[in-house]
């Protein structure tokens, strides 16, 4: 029964139902990918980064190994880019962190343009279906023969107009809700990258200064 109702609803939307169906399928697929991505990030990354920062104070090599094991996480890749440099000074280390963070932005914002396109185009397609449905109704309208087949054509055109509008709004609103959530996740992740990146930079500066002092003492010995 539900499937039959959906098929009838789809057929009633007219020709614009096809691009709206394509938009809805694309939206569901991309939303699924983004949900999996952000679930993986928020489930594993906070604990991994806290462990890395804690271990890096005394055992930098073990911290780097832990980052490599979790290199599918954005922040781990950022840390690895900076820690992979050979004896950088603090300024070079900071620049490496910033460059790696910039490189992760397209991954964190993936599909945002597609979501924006779907959100913008779906209501317009629904409006197009409304216009086409009303045109069909008016072309079928005959004041002298308003009953029978003519009435069916008029009501069918009005139904197409209303159904296409509803379908366009459903696709746009559903996509908008998830796209807004993903933007919030991105903003939160950007703040965390700055926070944890700053902590790692402070740890590195501290270790760099200690190493420099040891080198100076060795040189004067």
C-alpha atoms as a PDB file:
ATOM      1  CA  UNK A   1       0.000   0.000   0.000  1.00  0.00           C
ATOM      2  CA  UNK A   2       2.790   2.421   0.921  1.00  0.00           C
ATOM      3  CA  UNK A   3       4.689   1.648  -2.270  1.00  0.00           C
ATOM      4  CA  UNK A   4       1.569   2.176  -4.346  1.00  0.00           C
ATOM      5  CA  UNK A   5       0.977   5.536  -2.665  1.00  0.00           C
ATOM      6  CA  UNK A   6       4.562   6.579  -3.360  1.00  0.00           C
ATOM      7  CA  UNK A   7       4.291   5.542  -7.002  1.00  0.00           C
ATOM      8  CA  UNK A   8       1.040   7.461  -7.356  1.00  0.00           C
ATOM      9  CA  UNK A   9       2.581  10.496  -5.679  1.00  0.00           C
ATOM     10  CA  UNK A  10       5.573  10.317  -8.030  1.00  0.00           C
ATOM     11  CA  UNK A  11       3.396   9.966 -11.117  1.00  0.00           C
ATOM     12  CA  UNK A  12       1.240  12.873 -10.036  1.00  0.00           C
ATOM     13  CA  UNK A  13       4.243  15.214  -9.928  1.00  0.00           C
ATOM     14  CA  UNK A  14       4.660  15.101 -13.705  1.00  0.00           C
ATOM     15  CA  UNK A  15       7.874  15.509 -15.656  1.00  0.00           C
ATOM     16  CA  UNK A  16       9.766  17.378 -12.912  1.00  0.00           C
ATOM     17  CA  UNK A  17       9.509  14.274 -10.742  1.00  0.00           C
ATOM     18  CA  UNK A  18      12.451  12.717 -12.608  1.00  0.00           C
ATOM     19  CA  UNK A  19      15.095  15.357 -11.781  1.00  0.00           C
ATOM     20  CA  UNK A  20      13.681  15.641  -8.268  1.00  0.00           C
ATOM     21  CA  UNK A  21      14.008  11.874  -7.899  1.00  0.00           C
ATOM     22  CA  UNK A  22      17.621  12.101  -9.080  1.00  0.00           C
ATOM     23  CA  UNK A  23      18.261  14.889  -6.582  1.00  0.00           C
ATOM     24  CA  UNK A  24      16.713  12.903  -3.755  1.00  0.00           C
ATOM     25  CA  UNK A  25      18.781   9.780  -4.545  1.00  0.00           C
ATOM     26  CA  UNK A  26      21.986  11.842  -4.771  1.00  0.00           C
ATOM     27  CA  UNK A  27      21.121  13.645  -1.558  1.00  0.00           C
ATOM     28  CA  UNK A  28      20.485  10.427   0.369  1.00  0.00           C
ATOM     29  CA  UNK A  29      23.718   8.851  -0.901  1.00  0.00           C
ATOM     30  CA  UNK A  30      25.866  11.885  -0.053  1.00  0.00           C
ATOM     31  CA  UNK A  31      24.188  12.364   3.318  1.00  0.00           C
ATOM     32  CA  UNK A  32      24.953   8.729   4.116  1.00  0.00           C
ATOM     33  CA  UNK A  33      28.621   9.211   3.232  1.00  0.00           C
ATOM     34  CA  UNK A  34      28.888  12.367   5.327  1.00  0.00           C
ATOM     35  CA  UNK A  35      27.131  10.750   8.298  1.00  0.00           C
ATOM     36  CA  UNK A  36      29.596   7.859   8.205  1.00  0.00           C
ATOM     37  CA  UNK A  37      32.540  10.265   7.896  1.00  0.00           C
ATOM     38  CA  UNK A  38      31.516  12.468  10.806  1.00  0.00           C
ATOM     39  CA  UNK A  39      30.488   9.494  12.960  1.00  0.00           C
ATOM     40  CA  UNK A  40      33.958   8.009  12.484  1.00  0.00           C
ATOM     41  CA  UNK A  41      35.651  11.336  13.247  1.00  0.00           C
ATOM     42  CA  UNK A  42      33.707  12.129  16.407  1.00  0.00           C
ATOM     43  CA  UNK A  43      33.760   8.548  17.695  1.00  0.00           C
ATOM     44  CA  UNK A  44      37.538   8.014  17.474  1.00  0.00           C
ATOM     45  CA  UNK A  45      39.403  11.250  16.951  1.00  0.00           C
ATOM     46  CA  UNK A  46      39.001  13.018  20.345  1.00  0.00           C
ATOM     47  CA  UNK A  47      40.421  10.080  22.303  1.00  0.00           C
ATOM     48  CA  UNK A  48      43.204   9.459  19.778  1.00  0.00           C
ATOM     49  CA  UNK A  49      44.362  13.085  19.822  1.00  0.00           C
ATOM     50  CA  UNK A  50      44.264  13.290  23.613  1.00  0.00           C
ATOM     51  CA  UNK A  51      46.379  10.135  23.833  1.00  0.00           C
ATOM     52  CA  UNK A  52      48.830  11.471  21.249  1.00  0.00           C
ATOM     53  CA  UNK A  53      49.283  14.778  23.064  1.00  0.00           C
ATOM     54  CA  UNK A  54      49.786  12.967  26.354  1.00  0.00           C
ATOM     55  CA  UNK A  55      52.313  10.485  24.980  1.00  0.00           C
ATOM     56  CA  UNK A  56      54.171  13.052  22.874  1.00  0.00           C
ATOM     57  CA  UNK A  57      55.456  14.766  26.012  1.00  0.00           C
ATOM     58  CA  UNK A  58      57.711  11.825  26.873  1.00  0.00           C
ATOM     59  CA  UNK A  59      57.669   9.449  23.875  1.00  0.00           C
ATOM     60  CA  UNK A  60      57.342  11.299  20.557  1.00  0.00           C
ATOM     61  CA  UNK A  61      58.112   8.190  18.494  1.00  0.00           C
ATOM     62  CA  UNK A  62      55.199   6.253  19.984  1.00  0.00           C
ATOM     63  CA  UNK A  63      52.917   9.235  19.426  1.00  0.00           C
ATOM     64  CA  UNK A  64      53.866   9.339  15.742  1.00  0.00           C
ATOM     65  CA  UNK A  65      53.210   5.599  15.402  1.00  0.00           C
ATOM     66  CA  UNK A  66      49.762   6.073  16.912  1.00  0.00           C
ATOM     67  CA  UNK A  67      49.060   8.875  14.447  1.00  0.00           C
ATOM     68  CA  UNK A  68      50.065   6.656  11.518  1.00  0.00           C
ATOM     69  CA  UNK A  69      47.712   3.913  12.696  1.00  0.00           C
ATOM     70  CA  UNK A  70      44.851   6.429  12.688  1.00  0.00           C
ATOM     71  CA  UNK A  71      45.866   8.307   9.536  1.00  0.00           C
ATOM     72  CA  UNK A  72      42.287   8.110   8.223  1.00  0.00           C
ATOM     73  CA  UNK A  73      41.339  10.853  10.711  1.00  0.00           C
ATOM     74  CA  UNK A  74      41.794  14.485   9.591  1.00  0.00           C
ATOM     75  CA  UNK A  75      43.612  15.734  12.652  1.00  0.00           C
ATOM     76  CA  UNK A  76      46.009  12.798  12.634  1.00  0.00           C
ATOM     77  CA  UNK A  77      46.982  13.641   9.062  1.00  0.00           C
ATOM     78  CA  UNK A  78      47.554  17.267  10.059  1.00  0.00           C
ATOM     79  CA  UNK A  79      49.807  16.264  12.963  1.00  0.00           C
ATOM     80  CA  UNK A  80      51.740  13.821  10.797  1.00  0.00           C
ATOM     81  CA  UNK A  81      52.494  16.489   8.192  1.00  0.00           C
ATOM     82  CA  UNK A  82      54.123  18.690  10.832  1.00  0.00           C
ATOM     83  CA  UNK A  83      55.838  15.931  12.795  1.00  0.00           C
ATOM     84  CA  UNK A  84      57.163  14.401   9.588  1.00  0.00           C
ATOM     85  CA  UNK A  85      59.446  17.385   8.974  1.00  0.00           C
ATOM     86  CA  UNK A  86      63.115  16.883   9.676  1.00  0.00           C
ATOM     87  CA  UNK A  87      64.209  19.056  12.602  1.00  0.00           C
ATOM     88  CA  UNK A  88      62.024  22.088  11.833  1.00  0.00           C
ATOM     89  CA  UNK A  89      62.240  25.219  13.917  1.00  0.00           C
ATOM     90  CA  UNK A  90      59.043  26.310  15.733  1.00  0.00           C
ATOM     91  CA  UNK A  91      58.077  28.699  12.945  1.00  0.00           C
ATOM     92  CA  UNK A  92      58.414  26.012  10.275  1.00  0.00           C
ATOM     93  CA  UNK A  93      56.456  23.617  12.482  1.00  0.00           C
ATOM     94  CA  UNK A  94      53.619  26.129  12.841  1.00  0.00           C
ATOM     95  CA  UNK A  95      53.516  26.759   9.096  1.00  0.00           C
ATOM     96  CA  UNK A  96      53.388  23.015   8.449  1.00  0.00           C
ATOM     97  CA  UNK A  97      50.424  22.674  10.805  1.00  0.00           C
ATOM     98  CA  UNK A  98      48.599  25.541   9.137  1.00  0.00           C
ATOM     99  CA  UNK A  99      49.262  24.228   5.620  1.00  0.00           C
ATOM    100  CA  UNK A 100      48.104  20.734   6.542  1.00  0.00           C
ATOM    101  CA  UNK A 101      44.949  22.160   8.146  1.00  0.00           C
ATOM    102  CA  UNK A 102      44.174  24.104   4.967  1.00  0.00           C
ATOM    103  CA  UNK A 103      44.634  20.940   2.922  1.00  0.00           C
ATOM    104  CA  UNK A 104      42.001  19.168   5.054  1.00  0.00           C
ATOM    105  CA  UNK A 105      39.322  21.826   4.501  1.00  0.00           C
ATOM    106  CA  UNK A 106      38.072  20.387   1.153  1.00  0.00           C
ATOM    107  CA  UNK A 107      37.661  16.986   2.819  1.00  0.00           C
ATOM    108  CA  UNK A 108      35.740  18.442   5.756  1.00  0.00           C
ATOM    109  CA  UNK A 109      33.509  20.499   3.421  1.00  0.00           C
ATOM    110  CA  UNK A 110      33.050  17.781   0.810  1.00  0.00           C
ATOM    111  CA  UNK A 111      29.742  17.862  -1.109  1.00  0.00           C
ATOM    112  CA  UNK A 112      28.718  21.252   0.320  1.00  0.00           C
ATOM    113  CA  UNK A 113      28.387  22.692  -3.194  1.00  0.00           C
ATOM    114  CA  UNK A 114      26.229  19.759  -4.283  1.00  0.00           C
ATOM    115  CA  UNK A 115      24.012  20.151  -1.234  1.00  0.00           C
ATOM    116  CA  UNK A 116      23.654  23.867  -1.955  1.00  0.00           C
ATOM    117  CA  UNK A 117      22.708  23.088  -5.564  1.00  0.00           C
ATOM    118  CA  UNK A 118      20.051  20.582  -4.509  1.00  0.00           C
ATOM    119  CA  UNK A 119      18.653  22.946  -1.876  1.00  0.00           C
ATOM    120  CA  UNK A 120      18.419  25.776  -4.389  1.00  0.00           C
ATOM    121  CA  UNK A 121      17.266  23.864  -7.458  1.00  0.00           C
ATOM    122  CA  UNK A 122      14.654  21.574  -5.881  1.00  0.00           C
ATOM    123  CA  UNK A 123      12.132  24.304  -4.983  1.00  0.00           C
ATOM    124  CA  UNK A 124      12.669  25.856  -8.408  1.00  0.00           C
ATOM    125  CA  UNK A 125      11.893  22.535 -10.064  1.00  0.00           C
ATOM    126  CA  UNK A 126       8.830  22.265  -7.866  1.00  0.00           C
ATOM    127  CA  UNK A 127       7.790  25.742  -8.985  1.00  0.00           C
ATOM    128  CA  UNK A 128       8.344  24.710 -12.599  1.00  0.00           C
ATOM    129  CA  UNK A 129       6.064  21.733 -12.018  1.00  0.00           C
ATOM    130  CA  UNK A 130       3.482  24.102 -10.548  1.00  0.00           C
ATOM    131  CA  UNK A 131       3.578  26.275 -13.636  1.00  0.00           C
ATOM    132  CA  UNK A 132       3.373  23.293 -15.983  1.00  0.00           C
ATOM    133  CA  UNK A 133       0.481  21.832 -14.008  1.00  0.00           C
ATOM    134  CA  UNK A 134      -1.443  25.105 -14.077  1.00  0.00           C
ATOM    135  CA  UNK A 135      -0.772  25.479 -17.790  1.00  0.00           C
ATOM    136  CA  UNK A 136      -2.176  22.003 -18.317  1.00  0.00           C
ATOM    137  CA  UNK A 137      -5.249  22.879 -16.261  1.00  0.00           C
ATOM    138  CA  UNK A 138      -5.912  26.124 -18.109  1.00  0.00           C
ATOM    139  CA  UNK A 139      -5.379  24.503 -21.507  1.00  0.00           C
ATOM    140  CA  UNK A 140      -7.969  21.875 -20.584  1.00  0.00           C
ATOM    141  CA  UNK A 141     -10.402  24.378 -19.126  1.00  0.00           C
ATOM    142  CA  UNK A 142     -13.593  24.797 -21.131  1.00  0.00           C
ATOM    143  CA  UNK A 143     -16.303  26.783 -19.404  1.00  0.00           C
ATOM    144  CA  UNK A 144     -18.960  25.184 -21.536  1.00  0.00           C
ATOM    145  CA  UNK A 145     -17.799  21.639 -20.838  1.00  0.00           C
ATOM    146  CA  UNK A 146     -16.494  21.619 -17.320  1.00  0.00           C
ATOM    147  CA  UNK A 147     -17.759  18.155 -16.459  1.00  0.00           C
ATOM    148  CA  UNK A 148     -16.569  14.690 -17.422  1.00  0.00           C
ATOM    149  CA  UNK A 149     -13.173  14.218 -19.084  1.00  0.00           C
ATOM    150  CA  UNK A 150     -12.413  17.936 -19.030  1.00  0.00           C
ATOM    151  CA  UNK A 151     -12.891  18.073 -15.276  1.00  0.00           C
ATOM    152  CA  UNK A 152     -10.489  15.142 -14.868  1.00  0.00           C
ATOM    153  CA  UNK A 153      -7.838  16.906 -16.937  1.00  0.00           C
ATOM    154  CA  UNK A 154      -8.274  20.137 -14.980  1.00  0.00           C
ATOM    155  CA  UNK A 155      -8.043  18.378 -11.618  1.00  0.00           C
ATOM    156  CA  UNK A 156      -5.059  16.349 -12.876  1.00  0.00           C
ATOM    157  CA  UNK A 157      -3.203  19.528 -13.809  1.00  0.00           C
ATOM    158  CA  UNK A 158      -3.917  21.084 -10.431  1.00  0.00           C
ATOM    159  CA  UNK A 159      -2.785  17.877  -8.733  1.00  0.00           C
ATOM    160  CA  UNK A 160       0.463  17.953 -10.723  1.00  0.00           C
ATOM    161  CA  UNK A 161       1.038  21.552  -9.700  1.00  0.00           C
ATOM    162  CA  UNK A 162       0.548  20.872  -5.998  1.00  0.00           C
ATOM    163  CA  UNK A 163       2.419  17.546  -5.952  1.00  0.00           C
ATOM    164  CA  UNK A 164       5.509  18.862  -7.742  1.00  0.00           C
ATOM    165  CA  UNK A 165       5.680  21.797  -5.350  1.00  0.00           C
ATOM    166  CA  UNK A 166       5.438  19.494  -2.349  1.00  0.00           C
ATOM    167  CA  UNK A 167       8.051  17.123  -3.768  1.00  0.00           C
ATOM    168  CA  UNK A 168      10.512  19.952  -4.443  1.00  0.00           C
ATOM    169  CA  UNK A 169      10.075  21.318  -0.924  1.00  0.00           C
ATOM    170  CA  UNK A 170      10.492  17.890   0.657  1.00  0.00           C
ATOM    171  CA  UNK A 171      13.787  17.287  -1.150  1.00  0.00           C
ATOM    172  CA  UNK A 172      15.079  20.793  -0.388  1.00  0.00           C
ATOM    173  CA  UNK A 173      14.081  20.827   3.287  1.00  0.00           C
ATOM    174  CA  UNK A 174      15.415  17.332   3.973  1.00  0.00           C
ATOM    175  CA  UNK A 175      18.752  18.173   2.356  1.00  0.00           C
ATOM    176  CA  UNK A 176      18.919  21.545   4.112  1.00  0.00           C
ATOM    177  CA  UNK A 177      18.556  20.004   7.574  1.00  0.00           C
ATOM    178  CA  UNK A 178      21.469  17.628   7.071  1.00  0.00           C
ATOM    179  CA  UNK A 179      23.618  20.192   5.225  1.00  0.00           C
ATOM    180  CA  UNK A 180      23.207  22.615   8.136  1.00  0.00           C
ATOM    181  CA  UNK A 181      24.273  19.900  10.573  1.00  0.00           C
ATOM    182  CA  UNK A 182      27.347  19.116   8.471  1.00  0.00           C
ATOM    183  CA  UNK A 183      28.314  22.794   8.408  1.00  0.00           C
ATOM    184  CA  UNK A 184      28.045  22.857  12.204  1.00  0.00           C
ATOM    185  CA  UNK A 185      30.270  19.762  12.391  1.00  0.00           C
ATOM    186  CA  UNK A 186      32.802  21.474  10.119  1.00  0.00           C
ATOM    187  CA  UNK A 187      32.894  24.635  12.243  1.00  0.00           C
ATOM    188  CA  UNK A 188      33.332  22.574  15.394  1.00  0.00           C
ATOM    189  CA  UNK A 189      36.088  20.549  13.771  1.00  0.00           C
ATOM    190  CA  UNK A 190      37.882  23.717  12.638  1.00  0.00           C
ATOM    191  CA  UNK A 191      37.859  25.008  16.206  1.00  0.00           C
ATOM    192  CA  UNK A 192      39.227  21.703  17.499  1.00  0.00           C
ATOM    193  CA  UNK A 193      41.984  21.715  14.877  1.00  0.00           C
ATOM    194  CA  UNK A 194      43.110  25.141  16.072  1.00  0.00           C
ATOM    195  CA  UNK A 195      42.878  24.100  19.725  1.00  0.00           C
ATOM    196  CA  UNK A 196      44.733  20.790  19.439  1.00  0.00           C
ATOM    197  CA  UNK A 197      47.151  22.195  16.876  1.00  0.00           C
ATOM    198  CA  UNK A 198      48.056  24.953  19.320  1.00  0.00           C
ATOM    199  CA  UNK A 199      48.654  22.397  22.063  1.00  0.00           C
ATOM    200  CA  UNK A 200      50.918  20.332  19.833  1.00  0.00           C
ATOM    201  CA  UNK A 201      52.814  23.446  18.790  1.00  0.00           C
ATOM    202  CA  UNK A 202      53.427  24.382  22.431  1.00  0.00           C
ATOM    203  CA  UNK A 203      54.683  20.872  23.176  1.00  0.00           C
ATOM    204  CA  UNK A 204      56.985  20.993  20.187  1.00  0.00           C
ATOM    205  CA  UNK A 205      58.356  24.406  21.157  1.00  0.00           C
ATOM    206  CA  UNK A 206      59.044  23.092  24.644  1.00  0.00           C
ATOM    207  CA  UNK A 207      60.873  20.037  23.292  1.00  0.00           C
ATOM    208  CA  UNK A 208      62.729  22.155  20.735  1.00  0.00           C
ATOM    209  CA  UNK A 209      63.998  24.488  23.444  1.00  0.00           C
ATOM    210  CA  UNK A 210      65.099  21.565  25.630  1.00  0.00           C
ATOM    211  CA  UNK A 211      66.934  19.996  22.710  1.00  0.00           C
ATOM    212  CA  UNK A 212      68.585  23.304  21.869  1.00  0.00           C
ATOM    213  CA  UNK A 213      69.793  23.682  25.446  1.00  0.00           C
ATOM    214  CA  UNK A 214      71.221  20.139  25.390  1.00  0.00           C
ATOM    215  CA  UNK A 215      72.967  20.821  22.081  1.00  0.00           C
ATOM    216  CA  UNK A 216      74.483  24.026  23.447  1.00  0.00           C
ATOM    217  CA  UNK A 217      75.721  22.242  26.547  1.00  0.00           C
ATOM    218  CA  UNK A 218      77.203  19.461  24.420  1.00  0.00           C
ATOM    219  CA  UNK A 219      78.893  22.004  22.154  1.00  0.00           C
ATOM    220  CA  UNK A 220      80.519  23.825  25.092  1.00  0.00           C
ATOM    221  CA  UNK A 221      81.548  20.636  26.884  1.00  0.00           C
END
